[in-house]
Amino acid sequence: MDTRTHLSRSSVLNLVALALLAAAMLAANLAPYPAGQEFFEVIRPAEVYSAALANADPALRTVLFFDALFALAYTGAICFAILGFARRNVPVAWFCGLGIVAVMVLDYRENTIMVQSLDIVAAGGELPLARIAAQASVSAIKWQGAAAVLFALSFLLPADTLIEKLLVWGTRLGLALAVPLFVLNAFGLRETGTLFILLSMAGGFVLLAVVTRSRAKRAD
């Protein structure tokens, strides 16, 4: 498979990932109670967390369905981009490829814990704080791992045009700045961090789709 094909597939999968992200956000925002995953990715009092899960069901299950597909799409989009640009820096390409697969595995682990928690609450149980902390730990590692992978990816991407420079610096700084705000609640800006994460991801998919499509047209 040649460079043109890798980059073309990355471009398409970036748009698929963007559509799935939008679908998950729409499902969460149309629910009468908070049903976004981010609410359940941090530690909260057990009774509050359990009650929120009960209210979020079944909307959260729909969000998790779209997120499962989203994980496949973003992994494919980034892996094909890595293959397309691998000759620019092979060690970085290996790091990014293995890293994004690890992030996908953590994403699935996070979703599995969350849906099992939904089942526990639906069966009449209340979640122990230790389980909530385990969920938060997996989520935090996933987000910080994703930030590290994208930071590394920024050194693999081309930066010749204005769009490419925007992609490089957005990839380098987007999650690197937003994730600590969310995970650490730095400066009390967790909600701001959530918004920045969503904007960074959405913008990144658009820019990567444009760049990979443009480079595919010029590839030998």
C-alpha atoms as a PDB file:
ATOM      1  CA  MET A   1       0.000   0.000   0.000  1.00  0.00           C
ATOM      2  CA  ASP A   2       1.502   3.341  -1.070  1.00  0.00           C
ATOM      3  CA  THR A   3       1.728   6.706   0.673  1.00  0.00           C
ATOM      4  CA  ARG A   4      -1.155   8.147  -1.340  1.00  0.00           C
ATOM      5  CA  THR A   5      -3.486   5.388  -0.162  1.00  0.00           C
ATOM      6  CA  HIS A   6      -2.432   5.731   3.482  1.00  0.00           C
ATOM      7  CA  LEU A   7      -3.039   9.479   3.467  1.00  0.00           C
ATOM      8  CA  SER A   8      -6.333   9.204   1.600  1.00  0.00           C
ATOM      9  CA  ARG A   9      -7.635   6.692   4.130  1.00  0.00           C
ATOM     10  CA  SER A  10      -6.508   8.901   6.976  1.00  0.00           C
ATOM     11  CA  SER A  11      -8.411  11.829   5.478  1.00  0.00           C
ATOM     12  CA  VAL A  12     -11.645   9.842   5.235  1.00  0.00           C
ATOM     13  CA  LEU A  13     -11.323   8.330   8.712  1.00  0.00           C
ATOM     14  CA  ASN A  14     -10.700  11.764  10.226  1.00  0.00           C
ATOM     15  CA  LEU A  15     -14.075  12.900   8.889  1.00  0.00           C
ATOM     16  CA  VAL A  16     -15.710   9.707  10.149  1.00  0.00           C
ATOM     17  CA  ALA A  17     -14.188  10.301  13.599  1.00  0.00           C
ATOM     18  CA  LEU A  18     -15.458  13.879  13.571  1.00  0.00           C
ATOM     19  CA  ALA A  19     -18.984  12.705  12.674  1.00  0.00           C
ATOM     20  CA  LEU A  20     -18.970  10.103  15.454  1.00  0.00           C
ATOM     21  CA  LEU A  21     -17.705  12.659  17.974  1.00  0.00           C
ATOM     22  CA  ALA A  22     -20.541  14.967  16.950  1.00  0.00           C
ATOM     23  CA  ALA A  23     -23.068  12.129  17.274  1.00  0.00           C
ATOM     24  CA  ALA A  24     -21.869  11.282  20.790  1.00  0.00           C
ATOM     25  CA  MET A  25     -22.033  14.936  21.851  1.00  0.00           C
ATOM     26  CA  LEU A  26     -25.529  15.278  20.381  1.00  0.00           C
ATOM     27  CA  ALA A  27     -26.743  12.173  22.227  1.00  0.00           C
ATOM     28  CA  ALA A  28     -25.312  13.521  25.479  1.00  0.00           C
ATOM     29  CA  ASN A  29     -26.730  17.026  25.042  1.00  0.00           C
ATOM     30  CA  LEU A  30     -30.232  15.837  24.114  1.00  0.00           C
ATOM     31  CA  ALA A  31     -30.542  13.826  27.330  1.00  0.00           C
ATOM     32  CA  PRO A  32     -32.619  15.395  30.144  1.00  0.00           C
ATOM     33  CA  TYR A  33     -29.783  14.746  32.631  1.00  0.00           C
ATOM     34  CA  PRO A  34     -25.973  14.982  32.242  1.00  0.00           C
ATOM     35  CA  ALA A  35     -24.970  12.047  30.039  1.00  0.00           C
ATOM     36  CA  GLY A  36     -21.533  13.040  28.793  1.00  0.00           C
ATOM     37  CA  GLN A  37     -18.709  10.661  29.628  1.00  0.00           C
ATOM     38  CA  GLU A  38     -16.583  13.461  31.074  1.00  0.00           C
ATOM     39  CA  PHE A  39     -18.927  13.822  34.073  1.00  0.00           C
ATOM     40  CA  PHE A  40     -18.184  10.212  35.017  1.00  0.00           C
ATOM     41  CA  GLU A  41     -14.426  10.332  34.394  1.00  0.00           C
ATOM     42  CA  VAL A  42     -13.606  12.042  37.691  1.00  0.00           C
ATOM     43  CA  ILE A  43     -14.120  11.152  41.350  1.00  0.00           C
ATOM     44  CA  ARG A  44     -17.392  12.306  42.897  1.00  0.00           C
ATOM     45  CA  PRO A  45     -19.225  11.270  46.095  1.00  0.00           C
ATOM     46  CA  ALA A  46     -20.514   7.709  45.646  1.00  0.00           C
ATOM     47  CA  GLU A  47     -24.163   8.621  46.152  1.00  0.00           C
ATOM     48  CA  VAL A  48     -23.927  11.527  43.689  1.00  0.00           C
ATOM     49  CA  TYR A  49     -22.115   9.408  41.098  1.00  0.00           C
ATOM     50  CA  SER A  50     -24.585   6.516  41.400  1.00  0.00           C
ATOM     51  CA  ALA A  51     -27.611   8.801  41.139  1.00  0.00           C
ATOM     52  CA  ALA A  52     -26.133  10.561  38.118  1.00  0.00           C
ATOM     53  CA  LEU A  53     -25.505   7.212  36.402  1.00  0.00           C
ATOM     54  CA  ALA A  54     -29.103   6.164  37.024  1.00  0.00           C
ATOM     55  CA  ASN A  55     -30.355   9.408  35.489  1.00  0.00           C
ATOM     56  CA  ALA A  56     -27.965   9.164  32.527  1.00  0.00           C
ATOM     57  CA  ASP A  57     -29.195   5.700  31.525  1.00  0.00           C
ATOM     58  CA  PRO A  58     -30.005   4.942  28.644  1.00  0.00           C
ATOM     59  CA  ALA A  59     -28.533   8.084  27.010  1.00  0.00           C
ATOM     60  CA  LEU A  60     -25.035   7.280  28.299  1.00  0.00           C
ATOM     61  CA  ARG A  61     -25.202   3.840  26.689  1.00  0.00           C
ATOM     62  CA  THR A  62     -25.876   5.544  23.356  1.00  0.00           C
ATOM     63  CA  VAL A  63     -22.908   7.840  23.937  1.00  0.00           C
ATOM     64  CA  LEU A  64     -20.704   4.829  24.714  1.00  0.00           C
ATOM     65  CA  PHE A  65     -21.885   3.107  21.530  1.00  0.00           C
ATOM     66  CA  PHE A  66     -20.761   6.050  19.414  1.00  0.00           C
ATOM     67  CA  ASP A  67     -17.551   6.310  21.439  1.00  0.00           C
ATOM     68  CA  ALA A  68     -16.687   2.670  20.719  1.00  0.00           C
ATOM     69  CA  LEU A  69     -16.926   3.385  16.995  1.00  0.00           C
ATOM     70  CA  PHE A  70     -15.093   6.683  17.505  1.00  0.00           C
ATOM     71  CA  ALA A  71     -12.135   4.839  19.061  1.00  0.00           C
ATOM     72  CA  LEU A  72     -11.793   2.702  15.943  1.00  0.00           C
ATOM     73  CA  ALA A  73     -12.073   5.736  13.668  1.00  0.00           C
ATOM     74  CA  TYR A  74      -9.508   7.943  15.436  1.00  0.00           C
ATOM     75  CA  THR A  75      -7.068   5.034  15.761  1.00  0.00           C
ATOM     76  CA  GLY A  76      -7.367   4.294  12.069  1.00  0.00           C
ATOM     77  CA  ALA A  77      -7.105   7.970  11.111  1.00  0.00           C
ATOM     78  CA  ILE A  78      -3.949   8.513  13.119  1.00  0.00           C
ATOM     79  CA  CYS A  79      -2.347   5.180  12.208  1.00  0.00           C
ATOM     80  CA  PHE A  80      -2.808   5.798   8.478  1.00  0.00           C
ATOM     81  CA  ALA A  81      -1.413   9.320   8.903  1.00  0.00           C
ATOM     82  CA  ILE A  82       1.593   7.827  10.708  1.00  0.00           C
ATOM     83  CA  LEU A  83       2.134   5.343   7.875  1.00  0.00           C
ATOM     84  CA  GLY A  84       1.874   8.145   5.351  1.00  0.00           C
ATOM     85  CA  PHE A  85       4.478  10.290   7.093  1.00  0.00           C
ATOM     86  CA  ALA A  86       6.604   7.525   8.682  1.00  0.00           C
ATOM     87  CA  ARG A  87       9.646   8.175   6.499  1.00  0.00           C
ATOM     88  CA  ARG A  88      10.021  11.624   8.057  1.00  0.00           C
ATOM     89  CA  ASN A  89      11.010  10.104  11.434  1.00  0.00           C
ATOM     90  CA  VAL A  90      10.737   6.341  11.876  1.00  0.00           C
ATOM     91  CA  PRO A  91      11.338   6.165  15.681  1.00  0.00           C
ATOM     92  CA  VAL A  92       8.646   8.799  16.300  1.00  0.00           C
ATOM     93  CA  ALA A  93       6.306   6.907  13.958  1.00  0.00           C
ATOM     94  CA  TRP A  94       6.766   3.718  15.996  1.00  0.00           C
ATOM     95  CA  PHE A  95       6.183   5.562  19.263  1.00  0.00           C
ATOM     96  CA  CYS A  96       3.013   7.199  17.953  1.00  0.00           C
ATOM     97  CA  GLY A  97       1.664   4.008  16.423  1.00  0.00           C
ATOM     98  CA  LEU A  98       2.115   1.938  19.571  1.00  0.00           C
ATOM     99  CA  GLY A  99       0.931   4.850  21.695  1.00  0.00           C
ATOM    100  CA  ILE A 100      -2.360   5.404  19.891  1.00  0.00           C
ATOM    101  CA  VAL A 101      -3.164   1.689  20.065  1.00  0.00           C
ATOM    102  CA  ALA A 102      -2.537   1.830  23.830  1.00  0.00           C
ATOM    103  CA  VAL A 103      -4.864   4.836  24.072  1.00  0.00           C
ATOM    104  CA  MET A 104      -7.554   2.894  22.200  1.00  0.00           C
ATOM    105  CA  VAL A 105      -7.197  -0.032  24.625  1.00  0.00           C
ATOM    106  CA  LEU A 106      -7.537   2.347  27.589  1.00  0.00           C
ATOM    107  CA  ASP A 107     -10.585   3.915  25.932  1.00  0.00           C
ATOM    108  CA  TYR A 108     -12.251   0.515  25.654  1.00  0.00           C
ATOM    109  CA  ARG A 109     -11.289  -0.327  29.237  1.00  0.00           C
ATOM    110  CA  GLU A 110     -12.831   2.959  30.378  1.00  0.00           C
ATOM    111  CA  ASN A 111     -16.054   2.252  28.485  1.00  0.00           C
ATOM    112  CA  THR A 112     -16.244  -1.276  29.863  1.00  0.00           C
ATOM    113  CA  ILE A 113     -15.976  -0.077  33.454  1.00  0.00           C
ATOM    114  CA  MET A 114     -18.542   2.649  32.815  1.00  0.00           C
ATOM    115  CA  VAL A 115     -21.152   0.369  31.242  1.00  0.00           C
ATOM    116  CA  GLN A 116     -20.671  -2.204  34.000  1.00  0.00           C
ATOM    117  CA  SER A 117     -21.237   0.575  36.514  1.00  0.00           C
ATOM    118  CA  LEU A 118     -24.463   1.408  34.676  1.00  0.00           C
ATOM    119  CA  ASP A 119     -25.498  -2.234  35.020  1.00  0.00           C
ATOM    120  CA  ILE A 120     -24.683  -2.275  38.751  1.00  0.00           C
ATOM    121  CA  VAL A 121     -26.796   0.813  39.384  1.00  0.00           C
ATOM    122  CA  ALA A 122     -29.623  -0.544  37.201  1.00  0.00           C
ATOM    123  CA  ALA A 123     -29.585  -3.703  39.340  1.00  0.00           C
ATOM    124  CA  GLY A 124     -30.130  -1.592  42.456  1.00  0.00           C
ATOM    125  CA  GLY A 125     -26.573  -1.365  43.721  1.00  0.00           C
ATOM    126  CA  GLU A 126     -24.522   1.661  44.730  1.00  0.00           C
ATOM    127  CA  LEU A 127     -21.013   2.003  43.477  1.00  0.00           C
ATOM    128  CA  PRO A 128     -18.160   1.929  46.008  1.00  0.00           C
ATOM    129  CA  LEU A 129     -15.801   4.892  45.942  1.00  0.00           C
ATOM    130  CA  ALA A 130     -12.912   2.565  45.065  1.00  0.00           C
ATOM    131  CA  ARG A 131     -14.635   1.633  41.790  1.00  0.00           C
ATOM    132  CA  ILE A 132     -15.238   5.291  40.962  1.00  0.00           C
ATOM    133  CA  ALA A 133     -11.558   6.017  41.657  1.00  0.00           C
ATOM    134  CA  ALA A 134     -10.534   3.126  39.371  1.00  0.00           C
ATOM    135  CA  GLN A 135     -12.680   4.586  36.610  1.00  0.00           C
ATOM    136  CA  ALA A 136     -11.115   8.007  37.106  1.00  0.00           C
ATOM    137  CA  SER A 137      -7.618   6.513  37.028  1.00  0.00           C
ATOM    138  CA  VAL A 138      -8.153   4.761  33.700  1.00  0.00           C
ATOM    139  CA  SER A 139      -9.677   7.937  32.245  1.00  0.00           C
ATOM    140  CA  ALA A 140      -6.810  10.111  33.481  1.00  0.00           C
ATOM    141  CA  ILE A 141      -4.160   7.782  32.066  1.00  0.00           C
ATOM    142  CA  LYS A 142      -6.025   7.619  28.750  1.00  0.00           C
ATOM    143  CA  TRP A 143      -6.197  11.405  28.409  1.00  0.00           C
ATOM    144  CA  GLN A 144      -2.600  11.985  29.441  1.00  0.00           C
ATOM    145  CA  GLY A 145      -1.438   9.212  27.128  1.00  0.00           C
ATOM    146  CA  ALA A 146      -3.379  10.755  24.246  1.00  0.00           C
ATOM    147  CA  ALA A 147      -1.765  14.135  24.945  1.00  0.00           C
ATOM    148  CA  ALA A 148       1.705  12.535  24.862  1.00  0.00           C
ATOM    149  CA  VAL A 149       0.996  10.694  21.604  1.00  0.00           C
ATOM    150  CA  LEU A 150      -0.299  13.811  19.863  1.00  0.00           C
ATOM    151  CA  PHE A 151       2.630  15.862  21.136  1.00  0.00           C
ATOM    152  CA  ALA A 152       4.982  13.304  19.586  1.00  0.00           C
ATOM    153  CA  LEU A 153       2.899  13.161  16.401  1.00  0.00           C
ATOM    154  CA  SER A 154       3.411  16.895  15.910  1.00  0.00           C
ATOM    155  CA  PHE A 155       7.101  16.174  15.206  1.00  0.00           C
ATOM    156  CA  LEU A 156       6.157  13.715  12.458  1.00  0.00           C
ATOM    157  CA  LEU A 157       3.765  15.966  10.564  1.00  0.00           C
ATOM    158  CA  PRO A 158       4.845  18.299   7.737  1.00  0.00           C
ATOM    159  CA  ALA A 159       4.844  22.047   8.439  1.00  0.00           C
ATOM    160  CA  ASP A 160       5.310  23.713   5.066  1.00  0.00           C
ATOM    161  CA  THR A 161       1.966  25.488   4.586  1.00  0.00           C
ATOM    162  CA  LEU A 162      -0.091  27.635   6.953  1.00  0.00           C
ATOM    163  CA  ILE A 163      -2.660  24.847   7.415  1.00  0.00           C
ATOM    164  CA  GLU A 164       0.106  22.378   8.193  1.00  0.00           C
ATOM    165  CA  LYS A 165       1.658  24.758  10.718  1.00  0.00           C
ATOM    166  CA  LEU A 166      -1.739  25.205  12.391  1.00  0.00           C
ATOM    167  CA  LEU A 167      -2.113  21.427  12.590  1.00  0.00           C
ATOM    168  CA  VAL A 168       1.384  20.959  14.025  1.00  0.00           C
ATOM    169  CA  TRP A 169       0.980  23.557  16.754  1.00  0.00           C
ATOM    170  CA  GLY A 170      -2.596  22.574  17.513  1.00  0.00           C
ATOM    171  CA  THR A 171      -1.517  18.945  17.862  1.00  0.00           C
ATOM    172  CA  ARG A 172       1.481  19.940  19.945  1.00  0.00           C
ATOM    173  CA  LEU A 173      -0.349  22.242  22.370  1.00  0.00           C
ATOM    174  CA  GLY A 174      -4.058  21.363  22.257  1.00  0.00           C
ATOM    175  CA  LEU A 175      -4.379  18.349  24.540  1.00  0.00           C
ATOM    176  CA  ALA A 176      -1.050  19.108  26.224  1.00  0.00           C
ATOM    177  CA  LEU A 177      -2.671  22.200  27.774  1.00  0.00           C
ATOM    178  CA  ALA A 178      -6.299  21.063  27.999  1.00  0.00           C
ATOM    179  CA  VAL A 179      -5.789  17.643  29.578  1.00  0.00           C
ATOM    180  CA  PRO A 180      -4.055  18.865  32.788  1.00  0.00           C
ATOM    181  CA  LEU A 181      -6.888  21.361  33.287  1.00  0.00           C
ATOM    182  CA  PHE A 182      -9.411  18.522  33.107  1.00  0.00           C
ATOM    183  CA  VAL A 183      -7.535  15.720  34.863  1.00  0.00           C
ATOM    184  CA  LEU A 184      -5.929  17.820  37.598  1.00  0.00           C
ATOM    185  CA  ASN A 185      -8.657  20.466  37.847  1.00  0.00           C
ATOM    186  CA  ALA A 186      -5.757  22.921  37.687  1.00  0.00           C
ATOM    187  CA  PHE A 187      -6.782  26.458  38.690  1.00  0.00           C
ATOM    188  CA  GLY A 188     -10.327  25.115  39.156  1.00  0.00           C
ATOM    189  CA  LEU A 189     -10.749  25.017  35.362  1.00  0.00           C
ATOM    190  CA  ARG A 190     -11.933  21.428  34.846  1.00  0.00           C
ATOM    191  CA  GLU A 191     -14.997  22.482  32.828  1.00  0.00           C
ATOM    192  CA  THR A 192     -12.850  24.760  30.684  1.00  0.00           C
ATOM    193  CA  GLY A 193     -10.460  21.869  30.129  1.00  0.00           C
ATOM    194  CA  THR A 194     -13.366  19.697  28.951  1.00  0.00           C
ATOM    195  CA  LEU A 195     -14.379  22.331  26.403  1.00  0.00           C
ATOM    196  CA  PHE A 196     -10.783  22.779  25.213  1.00  0.00           C
ATOM    197  CA  ILE A 197     -10.392  19.007  24.785  1.00  0.00           C
ATOM    198  CA  LEU A 198     -13.489  18.814  22.593  1.00  0.00           C
ATOM    199  CA  LEU A 199     -12.448  21.828  20.517  1.00  0.00           C
ATOM    200  CA  SER A 200      -8.915  20.508  20.153  1.00  0.00           C
ATOM    201  CA  MET A 201     -10.115  17.110  18.968  1.00  0.00           C
ATOM    202  CA  ALA A 202     -12.684  18.494  16.539  1.00  0.00           C
ATOM    203  CA  GLY A 203     -10.263  21.038  15.094  1.00  0.00           C
ATOM    204  CA  GLY A 204      -7.521  18.430  14.882  1.00  0.00           C
ATOM    205  CA  PHE A 205      -9.666  16.026  12.865  1.00  0.00           C
ATOM    206  CA  VAL A 206     -10.629  18.764  10.425  1.00  0.00           C
ATOM    207  CA  LEU A 207      -7.055  19.984   9.939  1.00  0.00           C
ATOM    208  CA  LEU A 208      -5.588  16.471   9.690  1.00  0.00           C
ATOM    209  CA  ALA A 209      -8.234  15.557   7.112  1.00  0.00           C
ATOM    210  CA  VAL A 210      -7.313  18.615   5.040  1.00  0.00           C
ATOM    211  CA  VAL A 211      -3.560  18.037   5.330  1.00  0.00           C
ATOM    212  CA  THR A 212      -3.649  14.316   4.570  1.00  0.00           C
ATOM    213  CA  ARG A 213      -5.997  14.894   1.614  1.00  0.00           C
ATOM    214  CA  SER A 214      -3.735  17.608   0.224  1.00  0.00           C
ATOM    215  CA  ARG A 215      -0.584  15.535   0.698  1.00  0.00           C
ATOM    216  CA  ALA A 216      -2.261  12.468  -0.858  1.00  0.00           C
ATOM    217  CA  LYS A 217      -2.898  14.431  -4.036  1.00  0.00           C
ATOM    218  CA  ARG A 218       0.798  15.349  -4.228  1.00  0.00           C
ATOM    219  CA  ALA A 219       2.198  11.967  -3.201  1.00  0.00           C
ATOM    220  CA  ASP A 220       4.310  10.003  -5.659  1.00  0.00           C
END
